[in-house]
Amino acid sequence: MSVASVTSTSGVTGSKSNTTTAKGWGDLGAEDFIKLLTTQLNNQDPTEPVDNTLMLAQLAQFSNLSNTNEMKESLQTITGQNDTLAQISAKLDTLNSTIAKLASTQTPPSATV
């Protein structure tokens, strides 16, 4: 099995646009892992194939990494929501104290009958 590289074409002129961007190690995703795995399988020595346990270990490591990244994103979302709630709470405390001050300075209307 061979993996061909793909470049996209746009417009009628057929000009090619390269969509490859430089990424750091932390930006590797599932697509990158599949490319590495297929390249590894294409380049292995047929007389000494890759050990199945090693391949399963790599798949398990990738799954673990993927789950860790999802958890990180969830925790970042929760942290952002917590910060927003803290800001709302502070504004409500300020509003409550302002209302309490206004209520204490006002005199109740006199009842005239």
C-alpha atoms as a PDB file:
ATOM      1  CA  MET A   1       0.000   0.000   0.000  1.00  0.00           C
ATOM      2  CA  SER A   2       1.382   3.395  -0.892  1.00  0.00           C
ATOM      3  CA  VAL A   3       0.457   6.791   0.480  1.00  0.00           C
ATOM      4  CA  ALA A   4       0.480   9.614  -2.026  1.00  0.00           C
ATOM      5  CA  SER A   5       0.842  13.229  -1.067  1.00  0.00           C
ATOM      6  CA  VAL A   6      -2.062  15.476  -1.997  1.00  0.00           C
ATOM      7  CA  THR A   7      -1.946  19.116  -2.988  1.00  0.00           C
ATOM      8  CA  SER A   8      -5.088  21.094  -3.631  1.00  0.00           C
ATOM      9  CA  THR A   9      -5.814  23.060  -6.788  1.00  0.00           C
ATOM     10  CA  SER A  10      -7.952  26.135  -6.895  1.00  0.00           C
ATOM     11  CA  GLY A  11      -9.709  28.028  -9.653  1.00  0.00           C
ATOM     12  CA  VAL A  12      -9.668  27.429 -13.371  1.00  0.00           C
ATOM     13  CA  THR A  13      -6.013  28.391 -13.728  1.00  0.00           C
ATOM     14  CA  GLY A  14      -4.939  25.270 -11.852  1.00  0.00           C
ATOM     15  CA  SER A  15      -2.653  27.103  -9.474  1.00  0.00           C
ATOM     16  CA  LYS A  16      -1.580  24.872  -6.626  1.00  0.00           C
ATOM     17  CA  SER A  17      -1.771  25.887  -3.016  1.00  0.00           C
ATOM     18  CA  ASN A  18       0.320  24.128  -0.439  1.00  0.00           C
ATOM     19  CA  THR A  19      -1.606  23.489   2.770  1.00  0.00           C
ATOM     20  CA  THR A  20       1.301  22.108   4.776  1.00  0.00           C
ATOM     21  CA  THR A  21       2.170  24.187   7.816  1.00  0.00           C
ATOM     22  CA  ALA A  22       5.012  23.776  10.269  1.00  0.00           C
ATOM     23  CA  LYS A  23       3.884  22.234  13.538  1.00  0.00           C
ATOM     24  CA  GLY A  24       5.531  21.580  16.831  1.00  0.00           C
ATOM     25  CA  TRP A  25       5.490  18.166  18.478  1.00  0.00           C
ATOM     26  CA  GLY A  26       2.512  19.174  20.609  1.00  0.00           C
ATOM     27  CA  ASP A  27       0.392  19.799  17.518  1.00  0.00           C
ATOM     28  CA  LEU A  28       0.524  16.247  16.138  1.00  0.00           C
ATOM     29  CA  GLY A  29      -2.895  14.739  15.669  1.00  0.00           C
ATOM     30  CA  ALA A  30      -4.591  11.549  14.541  1.00  0.00           C
ATOM     31  CA  GLU A  31      -3.922  12.270  10.870  1.00  0.00           C
ATOM     32  CA  ASP A  32      -0.199  12.681  11.566  1.00  0.00           C
ATOM     33  CA  PHE A  33      -0.144   9.427  13.535  1.00  0.00           C
ATOM     34  CA  ILE A  34      -1.808   7.518  10.685  1.00  0.00           C
ATOM     35  CA  LYS A  35       0.732   8.947   8.216  1.00  0.00           C
ATOM     36  CA  LEU A  36       3.608   7.860  10.454  1.00  0.00           C
ATOM     37  CA  LEU A  37       2.095   4.407  10.961  1.00  0.00           C
ATOM     38  CA  THR A  38       1.513   3.809   7.243  1.00  0.00           C
ATOM     39  CA  THR A  39       5.024   5.051   6.429  1.00  0.00           C
ATOM     40  CA  GLN A  40       6.429   2.693   9.046  1.00  0.00           C
ATOM     41  CA  LEU A  41       4.493  -0.224   7.552  1.00  0.00           C
ATOM     42  CA  ASN A  42       5.589   0.679   4.006  1.00  0.00           C
ATOM     43  CA  ASN A  43       9.250   0.816   4.957  1.00  0.00           C
ATOM     44  CA  GLN A  44       9.507  -2.257   7.137  1.00  0.00           C
ATOM     45  CA  ASP A  45      11.648  -5.193   6.157  1.00  0.00           C
ATOM     46  CA  PRO A  46       9.363  -8.007   4.903  1.00  0.00           C
ATOM     47  CA  THR A  47      11.700 -10.596   6.402  1.00  0.00           C
ATOM     48  CA  GLU A  48      11.406  -8.930   9.832  1.00  0.00           C
ATOM     49  CA  PRO A  49       7.925  -7.424  10.174  1.00  0.00           C
ATOM     50  CA  VAL A  50       7.011  -5.069  13.003  1.00  0.00           C
ATOM     51  CA  ASP A  51       6.113  -6.868  16.193  1.00  0.00           C
ATOM     52  CA  ASN A  52       2.357  -6.729  16.791  1.00  0.00           C
ATOM     53  CA  THR A  53       2.859  -5.935  20.461  1.00  0.00           C
ATOM     54  CA  LEU A  54       4.930  -2.873  19.552  1.00  0.00           C
ATOM     55  CA  MET A  55       2.250  -1.666  17.149  1.00  0.00           C
ATOM     56  CA  LEU A  56      -0.470  -2.168  19.761  1.00  0.00           C
ATOM     57  CA  ALA A  57       1.656  -0.306  22.298  1.00  0.00           C
ATOM     58  CA  GLN A  58       1.979   2.622  19.887  1.00  0.00           C
ATOM     59  CA  LEU A  59      -1.781   2.652  19.287  1.00  0.00           C
ATOM     60  CA  ALA A  60      -2.407   2.578  23.033  1.00  0.00           C
ATOM     61  CA  GLN A  61       0.032   5.447  23.576  1.00  0.00           C
ATOM     62  CA  PHE A  62      -1.668   7.507  20.893  1.00  0.00           C
ATOM     63  CA  SER A  63      -5.090   6.785  22.384  1.00  0.00           C
ATOM     64  CA  ASN A  64      -3.817   7.831  25.811  1.00  0.00           C
ATOM     65  CA  LEU A  65      -2.321  11.018  24.363  1.00  0.00           C
ATOM     66  CA  SER A  66      -5.560  11.829  22.562  1.00  0.00           C
ATOM     67  CA  ASN A  67      -7.591  11.345  25.746  1.00  0.00           C
ATOM     68  CA  THR A  68      -5.141  13.494  27.710  1.00  0.00           C
ATOM     69  CA  ASN A  69      -5.459  16.306  25.150  1.00  0.00           C
ATOM     70  CA  GLU A  70      -9.252  16.133  25.323  1.00  0.00           C
ATOM     71  CA  MET A  71      -9.083  16.283  29.124  1.00  0.00           C
ATOM     72  CA  LYS A  72      -6.740  19.281  28.938  1.00  0.00           C
ATOM     73  CA  GLU A  73      -9.164  21.128  26.668  1.00  0.00           C
ATOM     74  CA  SER A  74     -12.065  20.316  28.999  1.00  0.00           C
ATOM     75  CA  LEU A  75     -10.136  21.561  32.030  1.00  0.00           C
ATOM     76  CA  GLN A  76      -9.236  24.772  30.205  1.00  0.00           C
ATOM     77  CA  THR A  77     -12.923  25.303  29.420  1.00  0.00           C
ATOM     78  CA  ILE A  78     -13.888  24.681  33.037  1.00  0.00           C
ATOM     79  CA  THR A  79     -11.175  27.072  34.235  1.00  0.00           C
ATOM     80  CA  GLY A  80     -12.466  29.767  31.883  1.00  0.00           C
ATOM     81  CA  GLN A  81     -16.007  29.240  33.122  1.00  0.00           C
ATOM     82  CA  ASN A  82     -14.797  29.394  36.735  1.00  0.00           C
ATOM     83  CA  ASP A  83     -13.051  32.719  36.049  1.00  0.00           C
ATOM     84  CA  THR A  84     -16.229  34.098  34.469  1.00  0.00           C
ATOM     85  CA  LEU A  85     -18.308  32.978  37.452  1.00  0.00           C
ATOM     86  CA  ALA A  86     -15.835  34.616  39.850  1.00  0.00           C
ATOM     87  CA  GLN A  87     -16.128  37.898  37.933  1.00  0.00           C
ATOM     88  CA  ILE A  88     -19.934  37.696  37.996  1.00  0.00           C
ATOM     89  CA  SER A  89     -19.866  36.961  41.722  1.00  0.00           C
ATOM     90  CA  ALA A  90     -17.634  39.976  42.383  1.00  0.00           C
ATOM     91  CA  LYS A  91     -19.944  42.252  40.389  1.00  0.00           C
ATOM     92  CA  LEU A  92     -23.001  40.908  42.233  1.00  0.00           C
ATOM     93  CA  ASP A  93     -21.283  41.549  45.583  1.00  0.00           C
ATOM     94  CA  THR A  94     -20.565  45.123  44.496  1.00  0.00           C
ATOM     95  CA  LEU A  95     -24.155  45.562  43.345  1.00  0.00           C
ATOM     96  CA  ASN A  96     -25.537  44.145  46.607  1.00  0.00           C
ATOM     97  CA  SER A  97     -23.378  46.444  48.718  1.00  0.00           C
ATOM     98  CA  THR A  98     -24.401  49.459  46.599  1.00  0.00           C
ATOM     99  CA  ILE A  99     -28.080  48.570  47.002  1.00  0.00           C
ATOM    100  CA  ALA A 100     -27.615  48.105  50.761  1.00  0.00           C
ATOM    101  CA  LYS A 101     -25.967  51.549  51.045  1.00  0.00           C
ATOM    102  CA  LEU A 102     -28.744  53.188  49.037  1.00  0.00           C
ATOM    103  CA  ALA A 103     -31.410  51.474  51.102  1.00  0.00           C
ATOM    104  CA  SER A 104     -29.830  52.599  54.379  1.00  0.00           C
ATOM    105  CA  THR A 105     -29.576  56.251  53.321  1.00  0.00           C
ATOM    106  CA  GLN A 106     -33.168  56.577  52.148  1.00  0.00           C
ATOM    107  CA  THR A 107     -35.832  57.528  54.628  1.00  0.00           C
ATOM    108  CA  PRO A 108     -39.086  55.630  54.401  1.00  0.00           C
ATOM    109  CA  PRO A 109     -41.986  57.709  53.045  1.00  0.00           C
ATOM    110  CA  SER A 110     -44.274  59.044  55.730  1.00  0.00           C
ATOM    111  CA  ALA A 111     -47.711  57.579  55.783  1.00  0.00           C
ATOM    112  CA  THR A 112     -50.320  60.324  55.475  1.00  0.00           C
ATOM    113  CA  VAL A 113     -53.910  59.412  55.955  1.00  0.00           C
END
